[in-house]
């Protein structure tokens, strides 16, 4: 090889290494996933973008750093609906963190709680959102009790989050996030304010958001067997994991507030047309039994049902032509806004009057009867919603028992 060729190769290698070093430096300074503890600089990297990868690792890194005295657990409904900055936590002398992750169920919450305990960061107060649709058609059986190790930054993670083009793209997204009016962000306390939905709601109107989600939900629910738990009668993984979650909280002396999410009345009416109400009732009774068993064992725990038909859960959906009306409590039928979540937290944590119903074996029947009456009146009070449901269900098959 000639001297000229060797010099050319050295220059090429030096250029490549310099580019790689520059890429790494940018990504470490921007730290879009909050993995490396980079200093926050206003206008540069103070706002962190909400990214769709490394969600669990990012959330765990933030949670471990916060070591908060109160924890919020659940799925996307809790992630965007329950603000850790709610005044109720402050009045109780608590600092809260939102551990909730989209598309997850109680298994993930159980892991997160176990990791917190191992790290010496067990929350004193826990708010856990439970979702009927996690158990609908569930065929999983009780899992082993072994909890996998907490996620951590390893060599593969460093390669993908520091030295890759994907990481550089994330850094560019982070830069844009600093100056966006309605950015998709993740706060240091784990809260997702869903600001990016504001322009989407303005463009399509809330009717469009409700309609899209209703079509998706109907397709998803219609494809599931109408049962809760495995078809062979084995113990449901969801309830086994819930029991483990509550037992772990009991052993640590934590207080647990279980909340059933405030499904919009559109969802409740869809459930009725699909014949799911008996299963919904059965699920609630199983929750009551699970909570009662843990309470007898010494856990400080309560269960509040926010899914009942009420003024709050019956907010009218704007018509298709209305692009101006801003809904107060819902983004769409399954996801409630922080404003509604604030009321739920104040009732649950501070005992303020609210629309949730405390569920116990003694109160269950009366709550069910009142809810059935209100559900029966919902269409009369909102005929447009009845027409929307007729449109959704046109030609659609209903659930059948399996």
Protein backbone atom coordinates (compact mmCIF):
# COMPACT_ATOMS: atom_id res chain seq x y z
CA UNK A 1 0.00 0.00 0.00
CA UNK A 2 1.38 3.39 -0.96
CA UNK A 3 2.01 6.16 1.55
CA UNK A 4 -0.75 8.18 -0.12
CA UNK A 5 -3.25 5.33 0.36
CA UNK A 6 -2.28 4.90 4.01
CA UNK A 7 -2.68 8.61 4.60
CA UNK A 8 -6.10 8.54 2.96
CA UNK A 9 -7.25 5.64 5.13
CA UNK A 10 -5.97 7.37 8.28
CA UNK A 11 -7.85 10.51 7.36
CA UNK A 12 -11.01 8.50 6.68
CA UNK A 13 -10.72 6.68 10.02
CA UNK A 14 -10.04 9.93 11.87
CA UNK A 15 -13.05 11.55 10.24
CA UNK A 16 -15.27 8.60 11.13
CA UNK A 17 -14.06 8.60 14.73
CA UNK A 18 -14.53 12.37 14.98
CA UNK A 19 -18.08 12.07 13.63
CA UNK A 20 -18.82 9.25 16.07
CA UNK A 21 -17.39 11.27 18.97
CA UNK A 22 -19.43 14.32 17.94
CA UNK A 23 -22.57 12.18 17.72
CA UNK A 24 -21.91 10.73 21.17
CA UNK A 25 -21.22 14.16 22.67
CA UNK A 26 -24.47 15.58 21.30
CA UNK A 27 -26.48 12.63 22.53
CA UNK A 28 -24.92 12.71 26.00
CA UNK A 29 -25.55 16.44 26.36
CA UNK A 30 -29.13 16.20 25.11
CA UNK A 31 -29.84 12.95 26.99
CA UNK A 32 -33.34 12.69 25.48
CA UNK A 33 -34.19 9.51 27.40
CA UNK A 34 -32.95 10.88 30.76
CA UNK A 35 -30.57 7.93 31.15
CA UNK A 36 -27.28 9.70 31.85
CA UNK A 37 -28.11 12.51 34.24
CA UNK A 38 -27.03 15.34 31.93
CA UNK A 39 -27.52 18.83 33.42
CA UNK A 40 -30.79 20.49 32.35
CA UNK A 41 -30.26 23.67 30.33
CA UNK A 42 -33.26 25.85 29.54
CA UNK A 43 -33.87 26.11 25.82
CA UNK A 44 -31.53 23.22 25.05
CA UNK A 45 -32.51 20.01 26.85
CA UNK A 46 -34.67 20.94 29.85
CA UNK A 47 -37.81 19.46 28.27
CA UNK A 48 -37.59 15.76 27.57
CA UNK A 49 -39.48 14.36 24.59
CA UNK A 50 -41.92 11.51 24.95
CA UNK A 51 -40.34 8.70 22.94
CA UNK A 52 -41.81 5.32 22.06
CA UNK A 53 -38.75 3.23 22.89
CA UNK A 54 -36.91 2.37 26.11
CA UNK A 55 -40.07 3.39 27.97
CA UNK A 56 -39.58 1.01 30.88
CA UNK A 57 -35.89 1.85 31.33
CA UNK A 58 -36.54 5.58 31.14
CA UNK A 59 -39.37 5.38 33.64
CA UNK A 60 -37.32 3.24 36.01
CA UNK A 61 -34.29 5.56 35.78
CA UNK A 62 -36.45 8.55 36.66
CA UNK A 63 -38.28 6.64 39.40
CA UNK A 64 -35.06 5.47 41.05
CA UNK A 65 -33.72 9.00 41.01
CA UNK A 66 -36.94 10.44 42.46
CA UNK A 67 -37.35 7.76 45.16
CA UNK A 68 -40.80 9.25 45.76
CA UNK A 69 -42.94 8.60 48.82
CA UNK A 70 -46.09 8.09 46.73
CA UNK A 71 -46.49 6.07 43.56
CA UNK A 72 -49.06 6.00 40.76
CA UNK A 73 -49.32 2.71 38.84
CA UNK A 74 -51.40 1.55 35.89
CA UNK A 75 -51.62 1.88 32.13
CA UNK A 76 -51.94 4.86 29.79
CA UNK A 77 -55.18 5.95 31.46
CA UNK A 78 -53.24 6.58 34.68
CA UNK A 79 -50.18 7.91 32.88
CA UNK A 80 -52.02 10.87 31.36
CA UNK A 81 -54.82 11.24 33.90
CA UNK A 82 -53.05 11.26 37.27
CA UNK A 83 -50.73 14.19 37.87
CA UNK A 84 -48.10 13.56 40.58
CA UNK A 85 -48.17 17.32 41.17
CA UNK A 86 -51.75 17.16 42.43
CA UNK A 87 -52.22 19.17 45.63
CA UNK A 88 -53.53 16.10 47.48
CA UNK A 89 -50.05 14.59 47.62
CA UNK A 90 -48.56 17.81 48.95
CA UNK A 91 -51.22 18.14 51.64
CA UNK A 92 -50.28 14.69 52.87
CA UNK A 93 -46.60 15.58 52.89
CA UNK A 94 -45.88 13.26 49.98
CA UNK A 95 -43.83 13.53 46.84
CA UNK A 96 -45.37 11.47 44.03
CA UNK A 97 -44.10 9.74 40.90
CA UNK A 98 -46.18 8.36 38.02
CA UNK A 99 -44.91 4.86 37.12
CA UNK A 100 -47.81 4.08 34.74
CA UNK A 101 -46.93 2.83 31.26
CA UNK A 102 -49.09 2.53 28.12
CA UNK A 103 -50.08 -0.95 27.02
CA UNK A 104 -49.13 -2.59 30.31
CA UNK A 105 -51.09 -4.42 32.98
CA UNK A 106 -50.66 -5.41 36.59
CA UNK A 107 -47.62 -7.58 35.80
CA UNK A 108 -45.57 -4.49 34.95
CA UNK A 109 -46.84 -2.66 38.02
CA UNK A 110 -45.83 -5.63 40.19
CA UNK A 111 -42.33 -5.60 38.74
CA UNK A 112 -41.98 -1.86 39.27
CA UNK A 113 -43.10 -2.14 42.89
CA UNK A 114 -40.68 -4.99 43.55
CA UNK A 115 -37.81 -2.99 42.03
CA UNK A 116 -38.67 0.00 44.20
CA UNK A 117 -38.61 -2.20 47.30
CA UNK A 118 -35.24 -3.64 46.32
CA UNK A 119 -33.90 -0.12 45.79
CA UNK A 120 -35.14 1.06 49.19
CA UNK A 121 -37.67 3.39 47.57
CA UNK A 122 -40.93 1.70 48.51
CA UNK A 123 -43.75 4.30 48.35
CA UNK A 124 -45.76 4.92 51.51
CA UNK A 125 -48.92 5.61 49.50
CA UNK A 126 -49.88 3.84 46.27
CA UNK A 127 -52.58 4.68 43.75
CA UNK A 128 -53.20 1.72 41.44
CA UNK A 129 -55.54 1.94 38.45
CA UNK A 130 -57.23 -1.35 37.54
CA UNK A 131 -58.74 -1.95 34.10
CA UNK A 132 -61.52 -4.38 33.22
CA UNK A 133 -60.21 -4.73 29.68
CA UNK A 134 -56.93 -6.19 30.97
CA UNK A 135 -58.83 -9.31 32.04
CA UNK A 136 -61.39 -9.53 29.23
CA UNK A 137 -60.68 -12.74 27.33
CA UNK A 138 -57.44 -13.22 29.26
CA UNK A 139 -56.17 -16.79 28.89
CA UNK A 140 -52.97 -16.45 30.89
CA UNK A 141 -52.53 -18.52 34.02
CA UNK A 142 -50.86 -17.57 37.30
CA UNK A 143 -47.17 -16.81 36.60
CA UNK A 144 -44.12 -17.78 38.64
CA UNK A 145 -43.41 -15.46 41.54
CA UNK A 146 -39.85 -14.67 40.43
CA UNK A 147 -39.44 -11.01 39.47
CA UNK A 148 -36.89 -10.26 36.72
CA UNK A 149 -34.07 -7.86 37.49
CA UNK A 150 -34.69 -4.15 37.02
CA UNK A 151 -33.67 -2.75 33.61
CA UNK A 152 -30.29 -1.06 33.46
CA UNK A 153 -28.00 0.72 31.07
CA UNK A 154 -25.75 -1.92 29.53
CA UNK A 155 -23.36 -1.98 26.57
CA UNK A 156 -26.18 -2.56 24.08
CA UNK A 157 -28.14 0.33 25.55
CA UNK A 158 -25.14 2.66 25.35
CA UNK A 159 -24.55 1.68 21.72
CA UNK A 160 -28.17 2.38 20.81
CA UNK A 161 -28.69 5.54 22.88
CA UNK A 162 -25.33 7.24 22.45
CA UNK A 163 -23.64 6.04 19.26
CA UNK A 164 -26.51 5.40 16.84
CA UNK A 165 -28.35 7.47 14.26
CA UNK A 166 -31.57 6.70 16.14
CA UNK A 167 -30.08 8.35 19.21
CA UNK A 168 -29.09 11.36 17.13
CA UNK A 169 -32.64 11.58 15.80
CA UNK A 170 -33.92 11.47 19.39
CA UNK A 171 -31.60 14.36 20.24
CA UNK A 172 -32.94 16.38 17.33
CA UNK A 173 -36.45 15.63 18.56
CA UNK A 174 -35.41 16.87 21.99
CA UNK A 175 -34.12 20.12 20.50
CA UNK A 176 -37.40 20.65 18.65
CA UNK A 177 -39.33 19.86 21.82
CA UNK A 178 -37.82 22.88 23.59
CA UNK A 179 -39.54 25.27 21.22
CA UNK A 180 -42.72 23.43 20.29
CA UNK A 181 -46.02 24.92 21.47
CA UNK A 182 -47.64 21.54 22.10
CA UNK A 183 -44.80 19.03 22.48
CA UNK A 184 -45.05 15.37 23.38
CA UNK A 185 -43.13 15.38 26.66
CA UNK A 186 -42.40 13.26 29.71
CA UNK A 187 -41.93 15.11 32.99
CA UNK A 188 -39.32 14.12 35.55
CA UNK A 189 -42.13 12.90 37.80
CA UNK A 190 -43.32 10.47 35.10
CA UNK A 191 -46.38 12.48 34.06
CA UNK A 192 -47.41 12.68 30.40
CA UNK A 193 -49.58 15.81 29.98
CA UNK A 194 -50.47 14.78 26.40
CA UNK A 195 -50.05 18.33 25.13
CA UNK A 196 -49.55 17.01 21.62
CA UNK A 197 -53.22 15.96 21.56
CA UNK A 198 -54.37 19.59 21.75
CA UNK A 199 -53.69 20.43 18.07
CA UNK A 200 -54.97 16.99 17.04
CA UNK A 201 -58.26 17.66 18.80
CA UNK A 202 -58.40 21.07 17.14
CA UNK A 203 -57.81 19.60 13.70
CA UNK A 204 -60.21 16.65 13.82
CA UNK A 205 -62.51 17.76 16.63
CA UNK A 206 -63.24 15.65 19.68
CA UNK A 207 -65.83 13.70 17.75
CA UNK A 208 -63.07 12.41 15.48
CA UNK A 209 -60.97 11.28 18.46
CA UNK A 210 -63.94 9.52 20.07
CA UNK A 211 -65.02 7.87 16.84
CA UNK A 212 -61.55 6.56 15.98
CA UNK A 213 -61.04 5.09 19.44
CA UNK A 214 -64.55 3.61 19.53
CA UNK A 215 -63.98 1.80 16.23
CA UNK A 216 -60.64 0.45 17.49
CA UNK A 217 -62.14 -0.66 20.80
CA UNK A 218 -65.10 -2.37 19.17
CA UNK A 219 -62.83 -4.33 16.87
CA UNK A 220 -60.54 -5.29 19.75
CA UNK A 221 -63.25 -6.29 22.20
CA UNK A 222 -65.28 -8.16 19.61
CA UNK A 223 -62.27 -10.37 18.95
CA UNK A 224 -61.99 -11.52 22.55
CA UNK A 225 -63.88 -14.33 24.28
CA UNK A 226 -66.50 -13.01 26.69
CA UNK A 227 -64.90 -14.27 29.88
CA UNK A 228 -62.45 -13.07 32.53
CA UNK A 229 -59.69 -15.56 33.12
CA UNK A 230 -58.52 -18.75 31.41
CA UNK A 231 -61.08 -21.00 29.72
CA UNK A 232 -59.84 -24.02 31.70
CA UNK A 233 -60.82 -22.42 35.00
CA UNK A 234 -57.24 -22.00 36.20
CA UNK A 235 -56.23 -19.07 38.36
CA UNK A 236 -56.04 -15.86 36.34
CA UNK A 237 -52.59 -14.32 36.03
CA UNK A 238 -54.07 -10.85 36.43
CA UNK A 239 -55.63 -11.61 39.80
CA UNK A 240 -52.60 -13.59 40.97
CA UNK A 241 -50.36 -10.62 40.17
CA UNK A 242 -52.77 -8.20 41.84
CA UNK A 243 -52.66 -10.30 44.99
CA UNK A 244 -48.85 -10.31 44.86
CA UNK A 245 -48.81 -6.54 44.36
CA UNK A 246 -51.06 -5.99 47.39
CA UNK A 247 -49.13 -8.48 49.49
CA UNK A 248 -45.88 -6.70 48.67
CA UNK A 249 -47.44 -3.39 49.71
CA UNK A 250 -48.70 -4.98 52.93
CA UNK A 251 -45.28 -6.36 53.83
CA UNK A 252 -43.82 -2.88 53.36
CA UNK A 253 -46.50 -1.10 55.39
CA UNK A 254 -47.79 0.89 52.41
CA UNK A 255 -51.31 2.22 51.97
CA UNK A 256 -53.01 1.27 48.69
CA UNK A 257 -55.86 3.03 46.90
CA UNK A 258 -57.28 0.94 44.06
CA UNK A 259 -59.32 2.89 41.51
CA UNK A 260 -61.51 1.62 38.69
CA UNK A 261 -61.03 4.01 35.80
CA UNK A 262 -63.79 6.49 34.82
CA UNK A 263 -64.85 5.04 31.48
CA UNK A 264 -66.93 7.51 29.50
CA UNK A 265 -70.60 6.52 29.22
CA UNK A 266 -69.99 5.69 25.54
CA UNK A 267 -67.77 2.80 26.63
CA UNK A 268 -70.30 1.67 29.20
CA UNK A 269 -73.04 1.57 26.57
CA UNK A 270 -70.75 -0.30 24.18
CA UNK A 271 -70.11 -2.85 26.91
CA UNK A 272 -73.84 -3.23 27.45
CA UNK A 273 -74.47 -3.87 23.74
CA UNK A 274 -71.67 -6.42 23.71
CA UNK A 275 -73.22 -8.24 26.66
CA UNK A 276 -70.24 -7.55 28.92
CA UNK A 277 -72.08 -6.05 31.89
CA UNK A 278 -72.37 -9.37 33.80
CA UNK A 279 -68.62 -9.90 33.43
CA UNK A 280 -67.95 -6.33 34.52
CA UNK A 281 -70.01 -6.97 37.64
CA UNK A 282 -68.22 -10.27 38.29
CA UNK A 283 -64.84 -8.58 37.91
CA UNK A 284 -65.77 -5.94 40.48
CA UNK A 285 -66.85 -8.63 42.93
CA UNK A 286 -63.51 -10.40 42.49
CA UNK A 287 -61.74 -7.12 43.17
CA UNK A 288 -63.81 -6.61 46.31
CA UNK A 289 -62.91 -10.10 47.53
CA UNK A 290 -59.22 -9.60 46.78
CA UNK A 291 -59.13 -6.27 48.60
CA UNK A 292 -61.07 -7.65 51.58
CA UNK A 293 -58.67 -10.58 51.94
CA UNK A 294 -55.65 -8.28 52.01
CA UNK A 295 -57.37 -5.93 54.45
CA UNK A 296 -57.98 -8.85 56.81
CA UNK A 297 -54.28 -9.66 56.54
CA UNK A 298 -53.41 -6.15 57.70
CA UNK A 299 -53.12 -4.04 54.52
CA UNK A 300 -54.50 -0.50 54.60
CA UNK A 301 -56.43 -0.61 51.32
CA UNK A 302 -59.61 0.68 49.70
CA UNK A 303 -61.35 0.34 46.34
CA UNK A 304 -63.16 3.21 44.61
CA UNK A 305 -65.25 2.77 41.48
CA UNK A 306 -65.19 5.78 39.15
CA UNK A 307 -66.70 3.89 36.20
CA UNK A 308 -70.32 4.51 37.15
CA UNK A 309 -72.55 6.65 34.96
CA UNK A 310 -72.42 10.18 36.38
CA UNK A 311 -72.41 13.80 35.29
CA UNK A 312 -68.62 13.60 35.08
CA UNK A 313 -68.53 10.46 32.91
CA UNK A 314 -71.40 11.60 30.69
CA UNK A 315 -69.79 14.70 29.20
CA UNK A 316 -71.39 15.30 25.80
CA UNK A 317 -69.34 14.50 22.72
CA UNK A 318 -69.33 17.43 20.28
CA UNK A 319 -70.96 16.73 16.88
CA UNK A 320 -68.77 15.97 13.84
CA UNK A 321 -69.02 19.53 12.54
CA UNK A 322 -67.81 21.07 15.81
CA UNK A 323 -64.06 21.68 15.78
CA UNK A 324 -64.11 24.43 18.41
CA UNK A 325 -65.56 22.88 21.56
CA UNK A 326 -62.92 21.74 24.05
CA UNK A 327 -63.99 18.82 26.22
CA UNK A 328 -63.22 19.28 29.90
CA UNK A 329 -62.75 15.74 31.16
CA UNK A 330 -61.90 13.42 28.25
CA UNK A 331 -59.54 13.13 25.30
CA UNK A 332 -61.66 10.24 24.06
CA UNK A 333 -63.88 7.70 25.80
CA UNK A 334 -61.07 5.68 27.37
CA UNK A 335 -58.63 8.40 28.37
CA UNK A 336 -59.57 11.06 30.87
CA UNK A 337 -57.83 14.39 31.30
CA UNK A 338 -55.85 15.62 34.26
CA UNK A 339 -58.79 17.80 35.33
CA UNK A 340 -60.89 14.70 36.01
CA UNK A 341 -57.93 12.84 37.48
CA UNK A 342 -57.38 15.69 39.93
CA UNK A 343 -60.89 15.24 41.29
CA UNK A 344 -60.35 11.51 41.60
CA UNK A 345 -57.09 11.94 43.53
CA UNK A 346 -58.64 14.50 45.88
CA UNK A 347 -61.52 12.16 46.66
CA UNK A 348 -59.32 9.09 47.01
CA UNK A 349 -56.50 10.64 49.02
CA UNK A 350 -58.23 13.41 50.97
CA UNK A 351 -61.76 12.05 51.27
CA UNK A 352 -63.32 15.02 49.49
CA UNK A 353 -66.82 14.56 47.99
CA UNK A 354 -66.62 13.15 44.48
CA UNK A 355 -68.27 11.01 41.84
CA UNK A 356 -66.49 7.78 42.80
CA UNK A 357 -68.28 5.07 44.77
CA UNK A 358 -66.38 3.24 47.55
CA UNK A 359 -66.82 -0.44 46.78
CA UNK A 360 -67.24 -3.05 49.49
CA UNK A 361 -69.32 -6.17 49.71
CA UNK A 362 -71.89 -4.18 51.70
CA UNK A 363 -72.16 -1.33 49.16
CA UNK A 364 -71.87 -3.37 45.98
CA UNK A 365 -75.53 -4.18 45.29
CA UNK A 366 -76.79 -0.65 45.85
CA UNK A 367 -74.03 0.77 43.63
CA UNK A 368 -74.88 -1.71 40.86
CA UNK A 369 -78.59 -0.89 40.98
CA UNK A 370 -77.99 2.85 40.85
CA UNK A 371 -75.52 2.47 37.98
CA UNK A 372 -77.90 0.23 35.98
CA UNK A 373 -80.64 2.83 36.37
CA UNK A 374 -78.40 5.65 35.19
CA UNK A 375 -77.08 3.59 32.29
CA UNK A 376 -80.67 2.92 31.21
CA UNK A 377 -81.36 6.66 31.18
CA UNK A 378 -78.20 7.64 29.30
CA UNK A 379 -79.61 7.39 25.76
CA UNK A 380 -82.76 9.29 26.70
CA UNK A 381 -80.65 12.10 28.06
CA UNK A 382 -78.29 12.12 25.06
CA UNK A 383 -80.10 10.90 21.89
CA UNK A 384 -77.10 11.83 19.71
CA UNK A 385 -75.02 9.27 21.62
CA UNK A 386 -77.64 6.62 20.89
CA UNK A 387 -77.44 7.37 17.17
CA UNK A 388 -73.65 7.19 17.31
CA UNK A 389 -73.82 3.75 18.92
CA UNK A 390 -76.31 2.55 16.30
CA UNK A 391 -73.82 3.66 13.65
CA UNK A 392 -70.90 1.92 15.37
CA UNK A 393 -72.73 -1.38 15.78
CA UNK A 394 -74.30 -1.52 12.33
CA UNK A 395 -73.53 -5.03 11.03
CA UNK A 396 -71.18 -5.83 13.90
CA UNK A 397 -71.30 -9.22 15.67
CA UNK A 398 -71.74 -9.29 19.45
CA UNK A 399 -69.72 -11.23 21.98
CA UNK A 400 -70.73 -14.80 22.68
CA UNK A 401 -70.00 -16.72 25.83
CA UNK A 402 -67.15 -19.20 25.51
